[in-house]
Amino acid sequence: MPAIGIPRKTLRRSIATAAALPLLIGALASCGYGAQAEKNDAPAKNVADDAGKKLSASEVRIGYFPNLTHATALVGIQEGLIAKELGSTTIKPQTFNAGPSEIEALNGGSLDIGFIGPSPSINAYVKSKGSNLRIISGSASGGVKLVVNPDKIKTLDDIKGKKIATPQKGNTQDVAFLNWIGTKGWTVDPESGKGDVSVVRTDNKVTPDAFKQGSIDGAWVPEPTASKLVSQGAKVLLDETDLWPDKKFVITNIIVSQKFLKEHGDVVEAVLRGTVKTNEWINANQGKAKASANAALKTLGGKELEAGIIDPAWPSILVTDDPLAGTLKTEADWAVKAKLIQTPDLNGIYDLKLLNKVLKAAGKPEVSDAGLGAK
């Protein structure tokens, strides 16, 4: 699996519901089950080399977030690596700030393919009773850290009694933190966040200010928020990657509208060829890929990340074609254990046939759907 940056020793080659999810209806997050966000149109960019190549759709609408955990989309579109596989089919990119608007666009027919976190994928799949999307590939793993005020917290045991931020109630990081709290033998009410640890649900955009003002003592957050806090004097106390048996867990999937998959499988396959080649390029050109991702962020948001933030953040995120399906199931189990959701039926959430076709053609090993594949 291609990796962003230079992985740590333990990461050498790995890579922002209805009845079933009653607490989470309308609460999808960029990486979790959390809150609403607005959609923004990304600048159109298609630099296909093979203009004569004809596929079944004249355009494909691809959604993603302007953050580092969506590096495959940032770099793949910025460098034209996805467009090259699409021939005369034009990419219509759209950017989102969190899961709700992306899922809404997918459900409403204004988006075909999207990069999104595991929790909104679970939520939307169950809410639609398995009718609106499929996960067709992985995209990224890792990039989540517990960072703290070193003057107040020196060891993991010092977390007890402190105020620790997570992005949103029930989002992927919130669920992981609640699960970790449980392993310490501490208790927290999942609704209020009150208990042996005060879990403060705070938007990643305002977490740095909250930390600077002293209203929180630390945060369990994804990159680049973690590195932004470190730049303000915080210390990394724990990398979530170290809690997973194989040092890998899904942070970003690629999803597709089932209707688009059925009608335009050739286009979906071309996009997957592009994402697989993008991940290869990132791995082989780590410095250029980091610069490319930062250039894309500047184009999308008007500002690139400072070196002191992107340099430590980049190597902790691993791009991967593998959706790490077993870890998605684990994350869902944690949410059930935390009493944030009821047990979801995830059968059929994956369709990896086209991805495995692309991987096989590229001489790469096929990946598993952990028994959750479409029949």
Protein backbone atom coordinates (compact mmCIF):
# COMPACT_ATOMS: atom_id res chain seq x y z
CA MET A 1 0.00 0.00 0.00
CA PRO A 2 1.45 3.32 -1.00
CA ALA A 3 2.19 5.67 1.86
CA ILE A 4 2.15 9.42 2.19
CA GLY A 5 5.43 10.80 3.38
CA ILE A 6 7.99 8.69 5.21
CA PRO A 7 6.09 6.27 7.48
CA ARG A 8 7.16 5.41 11.01
CA LYS A 9 8.92 2.10 11.58
CA THR A 10 5.68 0.39 12.40
CA LEU A 11 4.05 1.74 9.26
CA ARG A 12 6.65 0.94 6.64
CA ARG A 13 4.49 -0.57 3.90
CA SER A 14 0.88 0.12 4.96
CA ILE A 15 -0.86 3.17 4.03
CA ALA A 16 -12.85 15.76 7.91
CA THR A 17 -29.17 6.17 10.16
CA ALA A 18 -32.77 5.71 10.50
CA ALA A 19 -34.17 2.85 12.62
CA ALA A 20 -30.85 1.10 12.76
CA LEU A 21 -29.04 4.29 13.69
CA PRO A 22 -31.66 6.37 15.50
CA LEU A 23 -29.27 8.73 17.25
CA LEU A 24 -27.47 9.61 14.06
CA ILE A 25 -30.14 10.65 11.55
CA GLY A 26 -29.07 13.84 9.85
CA ALA A 27 -25.78 13.83 11.76
CA LEU A 28 -23.12 12.77 9.32
CA ALA A 29 -19.54 13.99 9.71
CA SER A 30 -16.52 14.33 7.51
CA CYS A 31 -14.92 11.42 9.31
CA GLY A 32 -17.88 10.35 11.36
CA TYR A 33 -21.52 10.48 12.31
CA GLY A 34 -21.47 14.22 13.13
CA ALA A 35 -22.78 17.62 12.02
CA GLN A 36 -23.86 19.54 8.97
CA ALA A 37 -21.54 21.21 6.49
CA GLU A 38 -21.77 23.30 3.36
CA LYS A 39 -20.76 22.23 -0.13
CA ASN A 40 -18.44 24.27 -2.30
CA ASP A 41 -17.73 23.80 -5.97
CA ALA A 42 -14.08 23.07 -6.65
CA PRO A 43 -12.53 24.61 -9.74
CA ALA A 44 -13.03 22.38 -12.75
CA LYS A 45 -9.87 20.57 -13.71
CA ASN A 46 -9.52 17.98 -16.40
CA VAL A 47 -6.26 17.43 -18.21
CA ALA A 48 -6.97 14.16 -19.96
CA ASP A 49 -4.30 13.14 -22.42
CA ASP A 50 -6.36 10.67 -24.42
CA ALA A 51 -9.17 12.91 -25.65
CA GLY A 52 -10.32 10.26 -28.13
CA LYS A 53 -11.07 7.66 -25.47
CA LYS A 54 -14.85 7.27 -25.21
CA LEU A 55 -16.56 6.05 -22.07
CA SER A 56 -20.27 5.72 -21.32
CA ALA A 57 -20.58 9.10 -19.54
CA SER A 58 -19.46 12.50 -20.76
CA GLU A 59 -18.65 13.63 -17.22
CA VAL A 60 -18.14 12.24 -13.71
CA ARG A 61 -18.84 14.32 -10.61
CA ILE A 62 -16.31 13.60 -7.88
CA GLY A 63 -16.59 14.91 -4.32
CA TYR A 64 -13.89 15.24 -1.68
CA PHE A 65 -12.77 17.37 1.24
CA PRO A 66 -9.94 19.93 1.18
CA ASN A 67 -7.85 18.16 3.80
CA LEU A 68 -4.86 15.83 3.92
CA THR A 69 -6.83 12.66 4.61
CA HIS A 70 -8.24 13.11 1.10
CA ALA A 71 -4.79 13.30 -0.45
CA THR A 72 -5.60 10.78 -3.18
CA ALA A 73 -8.28 13.12 -4.53
CA LEU A 74 -6.23 16.29 -3.97
CA VAL A 75 -3.16 14.95 -5.77
CA GLY A 76 -4.98 12.81 -8.33
CA ILE A 77 -6.99 15.75 -9.58
CA GLN A 78 -4.22 18.33 -9.18
CA GLU A 79 -1.77 16.24 -11.23
CA GLY A 80 -4.31 15.02 -13.80
CA LEU A 81 -3.64 11.38 -12.91
CA ILE A 82 -7.33 10.52 -12.63
CA ALA A 83 -8.34 12.58 -15.65
CA LYS A 84 -5.75 10.79 -17.77
CA GLU A 85 -7.61 7.51 -17.31
CA LEU A 86 -10.95 9.08 -18.23
CA GLY A 87 -10.10 10.13 -21.75
CA SER A 88 -12.79 12.50 -23.02
CA THR A 89 -14.91 12.07 -19.87
CA THR A 90 -14.64 15.31 -17.91
CA ILE A 91 -14.15 15.46 -14.14
CA LYS A 92 -16.53 17.82 -12.36
CA PRO A 93 -14.99 18.21 -8.90
CA GLN A 94 -16.94 19.33 -5.85
CA THR A 95 -15.53 19.98 -2.39
CA PHE A 96 -17.33 19.50 0.92
CA ASN A 97 -16.57 20.39 4.51
CA ALA A 98 -18.26 17.36 6.10
CA GLY A 99 -20.25 14.24 5.37
CA PRO A 100 -23.86 15.48 5.37
CA SER A 101 -23.66 17.61 2.24
CA GLU A 102 -21.65 15.00 0.34
CA ILE A 103 -24.12 12.24 1.15
CA GLU A 104 -26.99 14.60 0.30
CA ALA A 105 -25.39 15.31 -3.08
CA LEU A 106 -24.91 11.60 -3.73
CA ASN A 107 -28.50 10.83 -2.76
CA GLY A 108 -29.82 13.78 -4.76
CA GLY A 109 -28.07 12.73 -7.95
CA SER A 110 -25.67 15.67 -8.16
CA LEU A 111 -22.62 13.58 -7.20
CA ASP A 112 -21.42 10.28 -8.63
CA ILE A 113 -18.29 9.33 -6.67
CA GLY A 114 -17.02 10.63 -3.35
CA PHE A 115 -14.14 10.44 -0.89
CA ILE A 116 -15.58 10.24 2.62
CA GLY A 117 -15.01 8.83 6.10
CA PRO A 118 -16.21 5.44 7.34
CA SER A 119 -18.91 6.65 9.71
CA PRO A 120 -20.97 8.64 7.19
CA SER A 121 -20.61 5.70 4.82
CA ILE A 122 -22.10 3.40 7.46
CA ASN A 123 -24.80 5.87 8.40
CA ALA A 124 -25.94 6.57 4.86
CA TYR A 125 -25.86 2.92 3.84
CA VAL A 126 -28.00 1.80 6.77
CA LYS A 127 -30.35 4.78 6.58
CA SER A 128 -31.09 3.93 2.92
CA LYS A 129 -31.44 0.23 3.76
CA GLY A 130 -28.47 -0.49 1.52
CA SER A 131 -29.82 1.24 -1.58
CA ASN A 132 -27.80 4.42 -2.11
CA LEU A 133 -24.06 3.71 -2.13
CA ARG A 134 -21.26 1.19 -2.27
CA ILE A 135 -17.73 1.50 -0.93
CA ILE A 136 -15.53 0.72 -3.92
CA SER A 137 -12.02 1.40 -2.59
CA GLY A 138 -9.96 2.60 0.28
CA SER A 139 -8.10 5.90 0.19
CA ALA A 140 -6.35 6.65 3.49
CA SER A 141 -5.44 5.26 6.88
CA GLY A 142 -4.17 6.88 10.06
CA GLY A 143 -3.52 10.53 10.76
CA VAL A 144 -5.36 10.70 14.11
CA LYS A 145 -3.59 11.71 17.32
CA LEU A 146 -4.20 12.55 20.97
CA VAL A 147 -2.43 15.85 21.58
CA VAL A 148 -2.35 17.54 24.98
CA ASN A 149 -1.17 20.49 27.00
CA PRO A 150 2.13 19.15 28.41
CA ASP A 151 1.88 21.43 31.44
CA LYS A 152 -1.34 19.73 32.52
CA ILE A 153 -1.00 16.22 31.09
CA LYS A 154 2.22 14.23 31.15
CA THR A 155 0.97 10.63 31.00
CA LEU A 156 -2.08 8.86 29.63
CA ASP A 157 -3.40 8.39 33.16
CA ASP A 158 -3.45 12.18 33.53
CA ILE A 159 -6.27 12.33 30.96
CA LYS A 160 -8.74 11.46 33.72
CA GLY A 161 -10.51 14.59 34.92
CA LYS A 162 -9.37 16.68 31.95
CA LYS A 163 -11.26 18.33 29.07
CA ILE A 164 -10.45 16.65 25.75
CA ALA A 165 -11.94 17.73 22.43
CA THR A 166 -13.22 15.50 19.65
CA PRO A 167 -14.65 16.85 16.36
CA GLN A 168 -18.31 15.88 16.84
CA LYS A 169 -20.51 13.58 18.88
CA GLY A 170 -20.42 10.12 17.36
CA ASN A 171 -17.89 10.92 14.66
CA THR A 172 -15.05 8.50 13.99
CA GLN A 173 -12.59 10.18 16.36
CA ASP A 174 -15.24 10.61 19.06
CA VAL A 175 -16.11 6.92 18.91
CA ALA A 176 -12.43 5.91 19.03
CA PHE A 177 -11.80 8.15 22.04
CA LEU A 178 -14.85 6.84 23.90
CA ASN A 179 -13.66 3.30 23.22
CA TRP A 180 -10.17 4.15 24.50
CA ILE A 181 -11.67 5.70 27.64
CA GLY A 182 -13.53 2.44 28.24
CA THR A 183 -10.31 0.43 27.99
CA LYS A 184 -8.95 2.56 30.84
CA GLY A 185 -11.89 1.58 33.01
CA TRP A 186 -13.31 5.12 33.01
CA THR A 187 -16.90 6.02 32.17
CA VAL A 188 -18.36 8.88 30.12
CA ASP A 189 -21.96 9.53 29.15
CA PRO A 190 -21.89 9.34 25.33
CA GLU A 191 -24.64 11.93 24.95
CA SER A 192 -23.39 14.69 27.23
CA GLY A 193 -19.68 13.83 27.15
CA LYS A 194 -19.58 14.16 30.94
CA GLY A 195 -17.85 11.67 33.19
CA ASP A 196 -14.37 10.64 34.28
CA VAL A 197 -13.15 12.61 31.25
CA SER A 198 -14.96 15.65 29.86
CA VAL A 199 -15.36 14.98 26.14
CA VAL A 200 -15.84 18.39 24.51
CA ARG A 201 -17.30 18.13 21.00
CA THR A 202 -15.61 20.96 19.09
CA ASP A 203 -15.38 21.68 15.37
CA ASN A 204 -11.83 21.16 14.12
CA LYS A 205 -11.79 24.72 12.77
CA VAL A 206 -12.14 26.20 16.26
CA THR A 207 -10.22 23.57 18.26
CA PRO A 208 -6.88 25.45 17.95
CA ASP A 209 -8.46 28.60 19.40
CA ALA A 210 -10.11 26.61 22.18
CA PHE A 211 -6.74 25.09 23.04
CA LYS A 212 -5.01 28.47 22.92
CA GLN A 213 -7.63 29.92 25.27
CA GLY A 214 -7.31 27.03 27.70
CA SER A 215 -10.90 25.87 27.41
CA ILE A 216 -9.68 22.39 26.50
CA ASP A 217 -6.65 20.46 27.78
CA GLY A 218 -6.11 18.43 24.65
CA ALA A 219 -7.82 16.84 21.65
CA TRP A 220 -8.27 13.49 19.86
CA VAL A 221 -8.24 14.81 16.30
CA PRO A 222 -7.17 14.09 12.72
CA GLU A 223 -4.45 15.85 10.79
CA PRO A 224 -3.72 18.63 10.16
CA THR A 225 -5.56 19.79 13.30
CA ALA A 226 -3.24 17.74 15.50
CA SER A 227 -0.14 19.38 14.03
CA LYS A 228 -1.76 22.82 14.29
CA LEU A 229 -2.13 22.21 18.04
CA VAL A 230 1.46 21.02 18.29
CA SER A 231 2.55 24.25 16.62
CA GLN A 232 0.81 26.03 19.51
CA GLY A 233 2.71 24.07 22.15
CA ALA A 234 0.73 20.86 22.43
CA LYS A 235 2.45 17.47 22.64
CA VAL A 236 1.51 14.24 20.86
CA LEU A 237 0.71 11.79 23.64
CA LEU A 238 -0.73 8.97 21.52
CA ASP A 239 -1.06 8.09 17.84
CA GLU A 240 -4.26 6.10 17.25
CA THR A 241 -2.44 3.97 14.69
CA ASP A 242 -0.56 2.32 17.56
CA LEU A 243 -3.84 1.03 19.02
CA TRP A 244 -4.70 -1.06 15.95
CA PRO A 245 -3.30 -4.60 15.66
CA ASP A 246 -2.01 -4.10 12.11
CA LYS A 247 -1.20 -0.40 12.60
CA LYS A 248 -3.85 0.48 10.01
CA PHE A 249 -7.43 1.72 10.14
CA VAL A 250 -9.68 3.33 7.57
CA ILE A 251 -10.02 7.09 7.71
CA THR A 252 -11.18 7.71 4.10
CA ASN A 253 -13.14 5.50 1.67
CA ILE A 254 -14.18 5.97 -1.92
CA ILE A 255 -17.93 5.57 -2.41
CA VAL A 256 -20.14 5.55 -5.49
CA SER A 257 -23.81 5.97 -6.24
CA GLN A 258 -25.23 2.53 -6.94
CA LYS A 259 -27.12 3.98 -9.90
CA PHE A 260 -23.92 5.42 -11.40
CA LEU A 261 -22.04 2.17 -10.76
CA LYS A 262 -24.72 0.17 -12.55
CA GLU A 263 -24.99 2.51 -15.53
CA HIS A 264 -21.36 3.60 -15.90
CA GLY A 265 -19.12 0.85 -14.60
CA ASP A 266 -16.50 1.69 -17.22
CA VAL A 267 -16.19 5.22 -15.83
CA VAL A 268 -15.94 3.95 -12.26
CA GLU A 269 -13.23 1.53 -13.34
CA ALA A 270 -11.32 4.36 -15.04
CA VAL A 271 -11.51 6.48 -11.89
CA LEU A 272 -10.18 3.55 -9.87
CA ARG A 273 -7.29 3.11 -12.31
CA GLY A 274 -6.56 6.76 -11.68
CA THR A 275 -6.69 6.49 -7.88
CA VAL A 276 -4.47 3.40 -7.87
CA LYS A 277 -1.92 5.17 -10.09
CA THR A 278 -2.21 8.29 -7.92
CA ASN A 279 -1.35 6.30 -4.81
CA GLU A 280 1.63 4.82 -6.64
CA TRP A 281 2.78 8.29 -7.67
CA ILE A 282 2.43 9.63 -4.13
CA ASN A 283 4.59 6.81 -2.84
CA ALA A 284 7.26 7.28 -5.46
CA ASN A 285 7.28 11.09 -5.31
CA GLN A 286 6.64 11.90 -1.69
CA GLY A 287 8.06 15.41 -1.68
CA LYS A 288 6.32 16.38 -4.91
CA ALA A 289 3.08 14.80 -3.72
CA LYS A 290 3.13 16.79 -0.49
CA ALA A 291 3.70 19.98 -2.47
CA SER A 292 0.93 19.02 -4.89
CA ALA A 293 -1.55 18.43 -2.07
CA ASN A 294 -0.63 21.77 -0.52
CA ALA A 295 -1.01 23.52 -3.87
CA ALA A 296 -4.46 21.98 -4.22
CA LEU A 297 -5.39 23.18 -0.72
CA LYS A 298 -4.29 26.69 -1.65
CA THR A 299 -6.40 26.60 -4.81
CA LEU A 300 -9.44 25.37 -2.93
CA GLY A 301 -9.14 27.47 0.20
CA GLY A 302 -6.87 30.34 -0.74
CA LYS A 303 -4.20 29.32 1.74
CA GLU A 304 -1.67 26.52 1.95
CA LEU A 305 -0.52 24.83 5.14
CA GLU A 306 2.66 26.15 6.73
CA ALA A 307 5.68 23.86 6.64
CA GLY A 308 5.56 23.51 10.41
CA ILE A 309 2.12 21.94 10.09
CA ILE A 310 2.18 19.93 6.87
CA ASP A 311 5.65 18.46 7.40
CA PRO A 312 4.77 16.53 10.59
CA ALA A 313 1.21 15.81 9.47
CA TRP A 314 2.01 14.34 6.06
CA PRO A 315 3.95 11.18 7.04
CA SER A 316 1.32 10.07 9.55
CA ILE A 317 -1.33 9.58 6.85
CA LEU A 318 -1.06 6.55 4.62
CA VAL A 319 -2.76 6.33 1.24
CA THR A 320 -4.10 2.88 0.47
CA ASP A 321 -6.16 1.11 -2.15
CA ASP A 322 -7.29 -1.35 0.52
CA PRO A 323 -10.55 -0.22 2.19
CA LEU A 324 -9.46 -2.01 5.39
CA ALA A 325 -12.98 -3.39 5.66
CA GLY A 326 -12.35 -5.20 8.93
CA THR A 327 -11.51 -1.93 10.65
CA LEU A 328 -14.73 -0.31 9.44
CA LYS A 329 -16.63 -3.14 11.10
CA THR A 330 -14.62 -2.61 14.29
CA GLU A 331 -15.41 1.10 14.28
CA ALA A 332 -19.11 0.30 13.93
CA ASP A 333 -18.83 -2.17 16.83
CA TRP A 334 -17.23 0.55 18.97
CA ALA A 335 -20.12 2.90 18.24
CA VAL A 336 -22.56 0.18 19.30
CA LYS A 337 -20.56 -0.47 22.45
CA ALA A 338 -20.59 3.25 23.25
CA LYS A 339 -24.39 3.18 22.86
CA LEU A 340 -24.28 5.73 20.09
CA ILE A 341 -25.90 3.43 17.53
CA GLN A 342 -27.83 0.18 17.27
CA THR A 343 -26.12 -2.76 15.58
CA PRO A 344 -26.05 -1.94 11.84
CA ASP A 345 -26.47 -4.41 8.98
CA LEU A 346 -23.44 -3.74 6.80
CA ASN A 347 -23.86 -6.67 4.43
CA GLY A 348 -23.37 -5.44 0.88
CA ILE A 349 -21.75 -2.13 1.76
CA TYR A 350 -18.65 -3.04 -0.30
CA ASP A 351 -18.33 -3.75 -4.01
CA LEU A 352 -14.65 -4.29 -4.72
CA LYS A 353 -14.94 -6.18 -8.00
CA LEU A 354 -13.74 -3.31 -10.18
CA LEU A 355 -10.97 -2.36 -7.77
CA ASN A 356 -9.68 -5.93 -7.67
CA LYS A 357 -9.84 -6.06 -11.47
CA VAL A 358 -7.69 -2.91 -11.63
CA LEU A 359 -5.29 -4.20 -8.98
CA LYS A 360 -4.91 -7.55 -10.73
CA ALA A 361 -4.18 -5.84 -14.05
CA ALA A 362 -1.52 -3.76 -12.29
CA GLY A 363 0.09 -6.86 -10.78
CA LYS A 364 -1.02 -5.97 -7.26
CA PRO A 365 -2.70 -8.23 -4.70
CA GLU A 366 -6.47 -8.13 -4.44
CA VAL A 367 -8.11 -6.70 -1.30
CA SER A 368 -10.82 -8.09 0.97
CA ASP A 369 -14.32 -6.89 1.79
CA ALA A 370 -14.23 -8.77 5.13
CA GLY A 371 -17.37 -10.68 4.16
CA LEU A 372 -19.39 -7.48 3.66
CA GLY A 373 -19.41 -7.48 -0.13
CA ALA A 374 -22.36 -7.09 -2.49
CA LYS A 375 -23.62 -10.38 -3.87
